Amino acid sequence: MYGGYYFAELLDGLNEEFDPHPGLYDAAQESLIRLDDEASVPRLAIILFELALLREIGHLPNFETCLKCDRPTDDGAPFAYWVSQGGLLCRRCQTREYEKNRIGLEAVRWLRQLSQPEAIEPESLDDKILKDMNNVTTSAVSYDLGRRPKTLRYLQTLSR
């Protein structure tokens, strides 16, 4: 139920009235079904919805290359998420302020893959990967919304 409230808050705050997004409607519907499916991981359903929403509104972060030096994200360096610029920084381009925003390479790979339309949902993911992915998507959504979503605090029960 809280996941559905969260989706509604994001749709209301990040979608313009009378601006149809059939893909976003489909993503919301699929995400609600995922939340209801006992075999599905609620945390992953939320991440997938956040990625679909960001893609549809044109604010999907760059998961392909470092924002400063264009180093590909698939060459194994640890990356950090730069919220205000909407993308990743490689280790060489990071300063100390980004240490708390570091994400694992597997999380970067999954974010890159799952941000594509028609991405195949993994059967399971490690909790650390889910946490890293969740930190990125929640930060991006909060930044675009201009505030932390109010219903986010209720989703803590889904994260456990």
N, C-alpha and C. Protein backbone atom coordinates (compact mmCIF):
# COMPACT_ATOMS: atom_id res chain seq x y z
N MET A 1 0.82 -1.18 0.00
CA MET A 1 0.00 0.00 0.00
C MET A 1 0.87 1.26 0.00
N TYR A 2 1.92 1.27 0.84
CA TYR A 2 2.78 2.44 0.91
C TYR A 2 3.53 2.65 -0.40
N GLY A 3 3.88 1.57 -1.06
CA GLY A 3 4.52 1.70 -2.37
C GLY A 3 3.61 2.39 -3.36
N GLY A 4 2.34 2.05 -3.35
CA GLY A 4 1.37 2.71 -4.23
C GLY A 4 1.22 4.18 -3.91
N TYR A 5 1.21 4.52 -2.62
CA TYR A 5 1.15 5.93 -2.22
C TYR A 5 2.39 6.68 -2.72
N TYR A 6 3.53 6.02 -2.61
CA TYR A 6 4.79 6.62 -3.07
C TYR A 6 4.73 6.89 -4.57
N PHE A 7 4.26 5.92 -5.33
CA PHE A 7 4.13 6.10 -6.78
C PHE A 7 3.21 7.28 -7.09
N ALA A 8 2.09 7.36 -6.38
CA ALA A 8 1.14 8.45 -6.61
C ALA A 8 1.77 9.81 -6.30
N GLU A 9 2.53 9.88 -5.23
CA GLU A 9 3.19 11.15 -4.88
C GLU A 9 4.19 11.57 -5.96
N LEU A 10 4.95 10.61 -6.45
CA LEU A 10 5.92 10.93 -7.51
C LEU A 10 5.23 11.33 -8.80
N LEU A 11 4.19 10.60 -9.16
CA LEU A 11 3.45 10.94 -10.38
C LEU A 11 2.84 12.33 -10.28
N ASP A 12 2.31 12.66 -9.12
CA ASP A 12 1.70 13.98 -8.93
C ASP A 12 2.75 15.08 -8.96
N GLY A 13 3.90 14.84 -8.34
CA GLY A 13 4.92 15.88 -8.22
C GLY A 13 5.82 16.05 -9.43
N LEU A 14 5.97 15.00 -10.23
CA LEU A 14 6.93 15.06 -11.34
C LEU A 14 6.29 14.96 -12.72
N ASN A 15 4.99 14.96 -12.77
CA ASN A 15 4.29 14.83 -14.04
C ASN A 15 3.39 16.04 -14.21
N GLU A 16 3.43 16.65 -15.37
CA GLU A 16 2.61 17.82 -15.64
C GLU A 16 1.18 17.41 -15.99
N GLU A 17 0.22 18.20 -15.56
CA GLU A 17 -1.17 17.95 -15.88
C GLU A 17 -1.37 18.11 -17.39
N PHE A 18 -2.15 17.26 -17.98
CA PHE A 18 -2.46 17.26 -19.42
C PHE A 18 -1.24 16.97 -20.28
N ASP A 19 -0.23 16.33 -19.71
CA ASP A 19 0.95 15.93 -20.47
C ASP A 19 1.00 14.40 -20.43
N PRO A 20 0.36 13.77 -21.41
CA PRO A 20 0.25 12.30 -21.36
C PRO A 20 1.60 11.60 -21.52
N HIS A 21 1.77 10.57 -20.76
CA HIS A 21 2.94 9.71 -20.83
C HIS A 21 2.46 8.26 -20.79
N PRO A 22 2.07 7.71 -21.94
CA PRO A 22 1.57 6.33 -21.93
C PRO A 22 2.59 5.34 -21.35
N GLY A 23 3.86 5.58 -21.62
CA GLY A 23 4.90 4.70 -21.08
C GLY A 23 4.97 4.76 -19.56
N LEU A 24 4.75 5.94 -19.03
CA LEU A 24 4.76 6.12 -17.59
C LEU A 24 3.53 5.46 -16.95
N TYR A 25 2.40 5.58 -17.63
CA TYR A 25 1.19 4.91 -17.15
C TYR A 25 1.42 3.40 -17.10
N ASP A 26 1.99 2.86 -18.17
CA ASP A 26 2.27 1.42 -18.21
C ASP A 26 3.25 1.01 -17.10
N ALA A 27 4.29 1.84 -16.90
CA ALA A 27 5.28 1.54 -15.85
C ALA A 27 4.64 1.56 -14.47
N ALA A 28 3.75 2.52 -14.24
CA ALA A 28 3.07 2.60 -12.95
C ALA A 28 2.19 1.37 -12.73
N GLN A 29 1.48 0.99 -13.76
CA GLN A 29 0.61 -0.18 -13.67
C GLN A 29 1.42 -1.45 -13.41
N GLU A 30 2.51 -1.63 -14.15
CA GLU A 30 3.38 -2.80 -13.95
C GLU A 30 3.99 -2.81 -12.55
N SER A 31 4.36 -1.63 -12.08
CA SER A 31 4.98 -1.53 -10.76
C SER A 31 4.00 -1.87 -9.65
N LEU A 32 2.75 -1.46 -9.81
CA LEU A 32 1.73 -1.82 -8.82
C LEU A 32 1.50 -3.33 -8.81
N ILE A 33 1.53 -3.94 -9.97
CA ILE A 33 1.39 -5.40 -10.06
C ILE A 33 2.57 -6.08 -9.39
N ARG A 34 3.79 -5.55 -9.63
CA ARG A 34 4.99 -6.11 -8.99
C ARG A 34 4.87 -6.03 -7.47
N LEU A 35 4.39 -4.90 -6.97
CA LEU A 35 4.25 -4.75 -5.52
C LEU A 35 3.28 -5.77 -4.94
N ASP A 36 2.27 -6.12 -5.70
CA ASP A 36 1.26 -7.07 -5.24
C ASP A 36 1.72 -8.52 -5.36
N ASP A 37 2.73 -8.75 -6.18
CA ASP A 37 3.23 -10.10 -6.42
C ASP A 37 4.12 -10.54 -5.26
N GLU A 38 3.73 -11.59 -4.58
CA GLU A 38 4.50 -12.07 -3.43
C GLU A 38 5.89 -12.56 -3.82
N ALA A 39 6.09 -12.98 -5.05
CA ALA A 39 7.39 -13.47 -5.49
C ALA A 39 8.34 -12.32 -5.83
N SER A 40 7.80 -11.13 -6.00
CA SER A 40 8.60 -9.98 -6.38
C SER A 40 9.23 -9.31 -5.16
N VAL A 41 10.35 -8.63 -5.37
CA VAL A 41 11.03 -7.89 -4.31
C VAL A 41 10.50 -6.45 -4.33
N PRO A 42 9.78 -6.02 -3.29
CA PRO A 42 9.19 -4.68 -3.30
C PRO A 42 10.20 -3.56 -3.55
N ARG A 43 11.36 -3.68 -2.95
CA ARG A 43 12.39 -2.65 -3.11
C ARG A 43 12.80 -2.52 -4.58
N LEU A 44 12.92 -3.63 -5.27
CA LEU A 44 13.29 -3.61 -6.68
C LEU A 44 12.14 -3.03 -7.51
N ALA A 45 10.91 -3.34 -7.16
CA ALA A 45 9.76 -2.78 -7.88
C ALA A 45 9.77 -1.26 -7.80
N ILE A 46 10.13 -0.74 -6.66
CA ILE A 46 10.19 0.71 -6.47
C ILE A 46 11.32 1.31 -7.28
N ILE A 47 12.48 0.67 -7.28
CA ILE A 47 13.62 1.15 -8.07
C ILE A 47 13.27 1.16 -9.55
N LEU A 48 12.64 0.09 -10.02
CA LEU A 48 12.26 0.02 -11.43
C LEU A 48 11.28 1.13 -11.80
N PHE A 49 10.34 1.43 -10.90
CA PHE A 49 9.41 2.52 -11.18
C PHE A 49 10.14 3.86 -11.21
N GLU A 50 11.02 4.08 -10.25
CA GLU A 50 11.76 5.35 -10.21
C GLU A 50 12.58 5.53 -11.49
N LEU A 51 13.22 4.47 -11.95
CA LEU A 51 14.00 4.55 -13.19
C LEU A 51 13.10 4.85 -14.39
N ALA A 52 11.96 4.19 -14.46
CA ALA A 52 11.02 4.43 -15.57
C ALA A 52 10.51 5.87 -15.53
N LEU A 53 10.19 6.36 -14.35
CA LEU A 53 9.72 7.73 -14.19
C LEU A 53 10.79 8.72 -14.64
N LEU A 54 12.01 8.54 -14.16
CA LEU A 54 13.10 9.45 -14.53
C LEU A 54 13.36 9.42 -16.04
N ARG A 55 13.27 8.25 -16.63
CA ARG A 55 13.46 8.12 -18.09
C ARG A 55 12.35 8.86 -18.84
N GLU A 56 11.12 8.67 -18.41
CA GLU A 56 9.98 9.28 -19.09
C GLU A 56 9.98 10.80 -19.01
N ILE A 57 10.41 11.35 -17.89
CA ILE A 57 10.40 12.81 -17.75
C ILE A 57 11.70 13.45 -18.23
N GLY A 58 12.62 12.61 -18.72
CA GLY A 58 13.86 13.13 -19.29
C GLY A 58 14.94 13.48 -18.28
N HIS A 59 14.88 12.88 -17.09
CA HIS A 59 15.86 13.16 -16.05
C HIS A 59 16.61 11.92 -15.59
N LEU A 60 16.69 10.93 -16.44
CA LEU A 60 17.42 9.71 -16.10
C LEU A 60 18.91 10.04 -15.98
N PRO A 61 19.53 9.69 -14.87
CA PRO A 61 20.97 9.95 -14.72
C PRO A 61 21.78 9.21 -15.78
N ASN A 62 22.97 9.71 -16.04
CA ASN A 62 23.89 9.09 -16.97
C ASN A 62 24.63 7.97 -16.24
N PHE A 63 24.36 6.74 -16.61
CA PHE A 63 25.03 5.59 -16.01
C PHE A 63 26.09 5.00 -16.95
N GLU A 64 26.37 5.66 -18.05
CA GLU A 64 27.27 5.13 -19.07
C GLU A 64 28.72 5.57 -18.89
N THR A 65 28.95 6.84 -18.56
CA THR A 65 30.30 7.38 -18.48
C THR A 65 30.43 8.33 -17.30
N CYS A 66 31.67 8.60 -16.91
CA CYS A 66 31.96 9.60 -15.90
C CYS A 66 31.56 10.97 -16.46
N LEU A 67 30.93 11.77 -15.65
CA LEU A 67 30.46 13.08 -16.11
C LEU A 67 31.59 14.04 -16.43
N LYS A 68 32.74 13.86 -15.80
CA LYS A 68 33.85 14.80 -16.02
C LYS A 68 34.80 14.34 -17.12
N CYS A 69 35.20 13.07 -17.11
CA CYS A 69 36.25 12.63 -18.04
C CYS A 69 35.75 11.65 -19.11
N ASP A 70 34.48 11.30 -19.09
CA ASP A 70 33.87 10.38 -20.05
C ASP A 70 34.42 8.95 -19.98
N ARG A 71 35.03 8.59 -18.87
CA ARG A 71 35.50 7.21 -18.68
C ARG A 71 34.29 6.29 -18.61
N PRO A 72 34.27 5.20 -19.38
CA PRO A 72 33.11 4.28 -19.34
C PRO A 72 32.92 3.67 -17.95
N THR A 73 31.67 3.50 -17.57
CA THR A 73 31.37 2.94 -16.24
C THR A 73 31.56 1.43 -16.18
N ASP A 74 31.85 0.82 -17.30
CA ASP A 74 32.01 -0.64 -17.28
C ASP A 74 33.47 -1.07 -17.20
N ASP A 75 34.40 -0.14 -16.88
CA ASP A 75 35.79 -0.55 -16.82
C ASP A 75 36.30 -0.82 -15.41
N GLY A 76 35.41 -0.93 -14.44
CA GLY A 76 35.77 -1.46 -13.14
C GLY A 76 36.12 -0.47 -12.04
N ALA A 77 36.14 0.81 -12.27
CA ALA A 77 36.48 1.76 -11.22
C ALA A 77 35.28 2.00 -10.30
N PRO A 78 35.53 2.27 -9.02
CA PRO A 78 34.40 2.63 -8.16
C PRO A 78 33.87 4.01 -8.55
N PHE A 79 32.60 4.16 -8.53
CA PHE A 79 31.98 5.41 -8.94
C PHE A 79 31.20 6.02 -7.78
N ALA A 80 30.95 7.31 -7.89
CA ALA A 80 30.11 8.03 -6.94
C ALA A 80 29.03 8.74 -7.72
N TYR A 81 27.88 8.91 -7.10
CA TYR A 81 26.76 9.57 -7.76
C TYR A 81 26.79 11.07 -7.48
N TRP A 82 26.74 11.87 -8.54
CA TRP A 82 26.73 13.33 -8.43
C TRP A 82 25.29 13.77 -8.70
N VAL A 83 24.55 13.98 -7.64
CA VAL A 83 23.11 14.21 -7.72
C VAL A 83 22.77 15.42 -8.58
N SER A 84 23.38 16.56 -8.30
CA SER A 84 22.99 17.79 -8.98
C SER A 84 23.31 17.78 -10.48
N GLN A 85 24.24 16.94 -10.89
CA GLN A 85 24.60 16.86 -12.31
C GLN A 85 23.99 15.64 -13.00
N GLY A 86 23.38 14.76 -12.23
CA GLY A 86 22.66 13.62 -12.81
C GLY A 86 23.54 12.57 -13.45
N GLY A 87 24.56 12.13 -12.73
CA GLY A 87 25.39 11.08 -13.28
C GLY A 87 26.46 10.63 -12.30
N LEU A 88 27.43 9.90 -12.84
CA LEU A 88 28.47 9.27 -12.03
C LEU A 88 29.82 9.93 -12.23
N LEU A 89 30.65 9.81 -11.19
CA LEU A 89 32.02 10.28 -11.25
C LEU A 89 32.94 9.10 -10.98
N CYS A 90 33.98 8.95 -11.80
CA CYS A 90 34.96 7.89 -11.55
C CYS A 90 35.85 8.29 -10.38
N ARG A 91 36.65 7.38 -9.90
CA ARG A 91 37.49 7.63 -8.73
C ARG A 91 38.43 8.81 -8.96
N ARG A 92 39.00 8.93 -10.16
CA ARG A 92 39.95 10.02 -10.46
C ARG A 92 39.27 11.39 -10.38
N CYS A 93 37.99 11.46 -10.68
CA CYS A 93 37.29 12.75 -10.72
C CYS A 93 36.55 13.08 -9.43
N GLN A 94 36.54 12.15 -8.50
CA GLN A 94 35.84 12.37 -7.23
C GLN A 94 36.68 13.21 -6.27
N THR A 95 36.01 14.00 -5.48
CA THR A 95 36.65 14.69 -4.37
C THR A 95 36.10 14.06 -3.09
N ARG A 96 36.63 14.47 -1.96
CA ARG A 96 36.23 13.86 -0.68
C ARG A 96 34.74 13.96 -0.41
N GLU A 97 34.10 15.01 -0.90
CA GLU A 97 32.68 15.20 -0.63
C GLU A 97 31.80 14.10 -1.24
N TYR A 98 32.33 13.34 -2.19
CA TYR A 98 31.54 12.29 -2.84
C TYR A 98 31.74 10.91 -2.22
N GLU A 99 32.60 10.81 -1.21
CA GLU A 99 32.86 9.52 -0.58
C GLU A 99 31.60 8.84 -0.07
N LYS A 100 30.69 9.62 0.48
CA LYS A 100 29.45 9.03 1.01
C LYS A 100 28.47 8.65 -0.08
N ASN A 101 28.71 9.08 -1.31
CA ASN A 101 27.83 8.78 -2.44
C ASN A 101 28.38 7.66 -3.33
N ARG A 102 29.37 6.94 -2.86
CA ARG A 102 29.95 5.87 -3.68
C ARG A 102 28.98 4.72 -3.83
N ILE A 103 29.03 4.13 -5.01
CA ILE A 103 28.18 2.97 -5.28
C ILE A 103 29.04 1.88 -5.91
N GLY A 104 28.68 0.66 -5.64
CA GLY A 104 29.42 -0.47 -6.15
C GLY A 104 29.26 -0.66 -7.65
N LEU A 105 30.24 -1.31 -8.24
CA LEU A 105 30.24 -1.54 -9.68
C LEU A 105 29.03 -2.37 -10.13
N GLU A 106 28.64 -3.36 -9.34
CA GLU A 106 27.47 -4.17 -9.70
C GLU A 106 26.20 -3.33 -9.71
N ALA A 107 26.09 -2.42 -8.76
CA ALA A 107 24.92 -1.54 -8.74
C ALA A 107 24.89 -0.65 -9.98
N VAL A 108 26.05 -0.15 -10.38
CA VAL A 108 26.14 0.66 -11.61
C VAL A 108 25.71 -0.16 -12.81
N ARG A 109 26.18 -1.39 -12.89
CA ARG A 109 25.81 -2.26 -14.02
C ARG A 109 24.30 -2.50 -14.06
N TRP A 110 23.72 -2.78 -12.90
CA TRP A 110 22.28 -3.02 -12.86
C TRP A 110 21.48 -1.76 -13.15
N LEU A 111 21.93 -0.63 -12.65
CA LEU A 111 21.24 0.63 -12.96
C LEU A 111 21.27 0.90 -14.46
N ARG A 112 22.42 0.68 -15.06
CA ARG A 112 22.56 0.88 -16.50
C ARG A 112 21.60 -0.04 -17.26
N GLN A 113 21.56 -1.30 -16.86
CA GLN A 113 20.71 -2.27 -17.54
C GLN A 113 19.23 -2.02 -17.29
N LEU A 114 18.86 -1.79 -16.04
CA LEU A 114 17.44 -1.65 -15.69
C LEU A 114 16.85 -0.31 -16.12
N SER A 115 17.69 0.64 -16.45
CA SER A 115 17.17 1.94 -16.89
C SER A 115 16.73 1.91 -18.36
N GLN A 116 17.03 0.83 -19.04
CA GLN A 116 16.62 0.68 -20.43
C GLN A 116 15.16 0.23 -20.52
N PRO A 117 14.43 0.73 -21.51
CA PRO A 117 13.06 0.23 -21.68
C PRO A 117 13.09 -1.28 -21.95
N GLU A 118 12.10 -1.96 -21.47
CA GLU A 118 11.99 -3.42 -21.67
C GLU A 118 13.13 -4.19 -21.01
N ALA A 119 13.68 -3.65 -19.93
CA ALA A 119 14.75 -4.34 -19.21
C ALA A 119 14.19 -5.60 -18.56
N ILE A 120 15.03 -6.61 -18.46
CA ILE A 120 14.64 -7.87 -17.83
C ILE A 120 14.93 -7.77 -16.34
N GLU A 121 13.90 -7.98 -15.54
CA GLU A 121 14.03 -7.90 -14.09
C GLU A 121 14.81 -9.10 -13.57
N PRO A 122 15.83 -8.86 -12.73
CA PRO A 122 16.59 -9.98 -12.17
C PRO A 122 15.75 -10.76 -11.16
N GLU A 123 16.06 -12.02 -11.02
CA GLU A 123 15.32 -12.84 -10.06
C GLU A 123 15.66 -12.46 -8.63
N SER A 124 16.93 -12.12 -8.39
CA SER A 124 17.33 -11.69 -7.05
C SER A 124 18.58 -10.82 -7.17
N LEU A 125 18.72 -9.94 -6.19
CA LEU A 125 19.90 -9.07 -6.10
C LEU A 125 20.33 -9.01 -4.65
N ASP A 126 21.61 -8.88 -4.44
CA ASP A 126 22.19 -8.73 -3.12
C ASP A 126 21.65 -7.46 -2.46
N ASP A 127 21.49 -7.48 -1.15
CA ASP A 127 20.97 -6.32 -0.42
C ASP A 127 21.84 -5.08 -0.61
N LYS A 128 23.15 -5.25 -0.69
CA LYS A 128 24.07 -4.11 -0.89
C LYS A 128 23.82 -3.46 -2.25
N ILE A 129 23.61 -4.26 -3.27
CA ILE A 129 23.33 -3.73 -4.60
C ILE A 129 22.01 -2.98 -4.60
N LEU A 130 20.99 -3.57 -4.00
CA LEU A 130 19.68 -2.90 -3.90
C LEU A 130 19.79 -1.58 -3.14
N LYS A 131 20.55 -1.58 -2.05
CA LYS A 131 20.72 -0.36 -1.26
C LYS A 131 21.41 0.72 -2.08
N ASP A 132 22.49 0.37 -2.78
CA ASP A 132 23.20 1.34 -3.62
C ASP A 132 22.29 1.89 -4.71
N MET A 133 21.56 1.00 -5.37
CA MET A 133 20.66 1.44 -6.43
C MET A 133 19.56 2.34 -5.87
N ASN A 134 19.02 1.95 -4.73
CA ASN A 134 17.97 2.73 -4.08
C ASN A 134 18.46 4.12 -3.70
N ASN A 135 19.69 4.22 -3.20
CA ASN A 135 20.25 5.53 -2.85
C ASN A 135 20.34 6.45 -4.06
N VAL A 136 20.72 5.90 -5.19
CA VAL A 136 20.83 6.70 -6.42
C VAL A 136 19.46 7.14 -6.91
N THR A 137 18.52 6.20 -7.02
CA THR A 137 17.21 6.55 -7.58
C THR A 137 16.44 7.49 -6.65
N THR A 138 16.51 7.24 -5.36
CA THR A 138 15.81 8.11 -4.41
C THR A 138 16.41 9.51 -4.41
N SER A 139 17.73 9.60 -4.50
CA SER A 139 18.39 10.91 -4.57
C SER A 139 17.97 11.66 -5.83
N ALA A 140 17.93 10.97 -6.94
CA ALA A 140 17.55 11.60 -8.21
C ALA A 140 16.11 12.10 -8.17
N VAL A 141 15.22 11.25 -7.67
CA VAL A 141 13.81 11.63 -7.59
C VAL A 141 13.63 12.80 -6.63
N SER A 142 14.28 12.76 -5.48
CA SER A 142 14.18 13.84 -4.50
C SER A 142 14.71 15.15 -5.07
N TYR A 143 15.81 15.08 -5.79
CA TYR A 143 16.39 16.28 -6.39
C TYR A 143 15.43 16.89 -7.41
N ASP A 144 14.86 16.05 -8.26
CA ASP A 144 13.93 16.55 -9.27
C ASP A 144 12.64 17.08 -8.65
N LEU A 145 12.21 16.46 -7.57
CA LEU A 145 11.00 16.88 -6.89
C LEU A 145 11.23 18.17 -6.09
N GLY A 146 12.48 18.42 -5.74
CA GLY A 146 12.82 19.60 -4.96
C GLY A 146 12.68 19.39 -3.47
N ARG A 147 12.43 18.15 -3.08
CA ARG A 147 12.27 17.78 -1.67
C ARG A 147 12.28 16.26 -1.57
N ARG A 148 12.43 15.79 -0.36
CA ARG A 148 12.34 14.35 -0.12
C ARG A 148 10.86 13.98 -0.11
N PRO A 149 10.46 12.95 -0.87
CA PRO A 149 9.04 12.55 -0.88
C PRO A 149 8.55 12.21 0.53
N LYS A 150 7.37 12.68 0.86
CA LYS A 150 6.81 12.47 2.20
C LYS A 150 6.55 11.00 2.50
N THR A 151 6.13 10.26 1.48
CA THR A 151 5.78 8.85 1.70
C THR A 151 7.01 7.94 1.78
N LEU A 152 8.18 8.49 1.53
CA LEU A 152 9.40 7.68 1.54
C LEU A 152 9.65 7.04 2.90
N ARG A 153 9.33 7.73 3.95
CA ARG A 153 9.58 7.17 5.29
C ARG A 153 8.78 5.90 5.55
N TYR A 154 7.64 5.78 4.89
CA TYR A 154 6.81 4.58 5.09
C TYR A 154 7.37 3.37 4.34
N LEU A 155 8.23 3.62 3.38
CA LEU A 155 8.79 2.52 2.60
C LEU A 155 9.89 1.78 3.34
N GLN A 156 10.30 2.28 4.48
CA GLN A 156 11.32 1.59 5.25
C GLN A 156 10.89 0.18 5.60
N THR A 157 9.63 -0.04 5.76
CA THR A 157 9.14 -1.38 6.06
C THR A 157 9.37 -2.32 4.90
N LEU A 158 9.39 -1.79 3.66
CA LEU A 158 9.64 -2.62 2.48
C LEU A 158 11.11 -2.95 2.33
N SER A 159 11.97 -2.12 2.91
CA SER A 159 13.42 -2.30 2.76
C SER A 159 13.96 -3.38 3.68
N ARG A 160 13.17 -3.79 4.64
CA ARG A 160 13.66 -4.78 5.61
C ARG A 160 13.42 -6.18 5.13
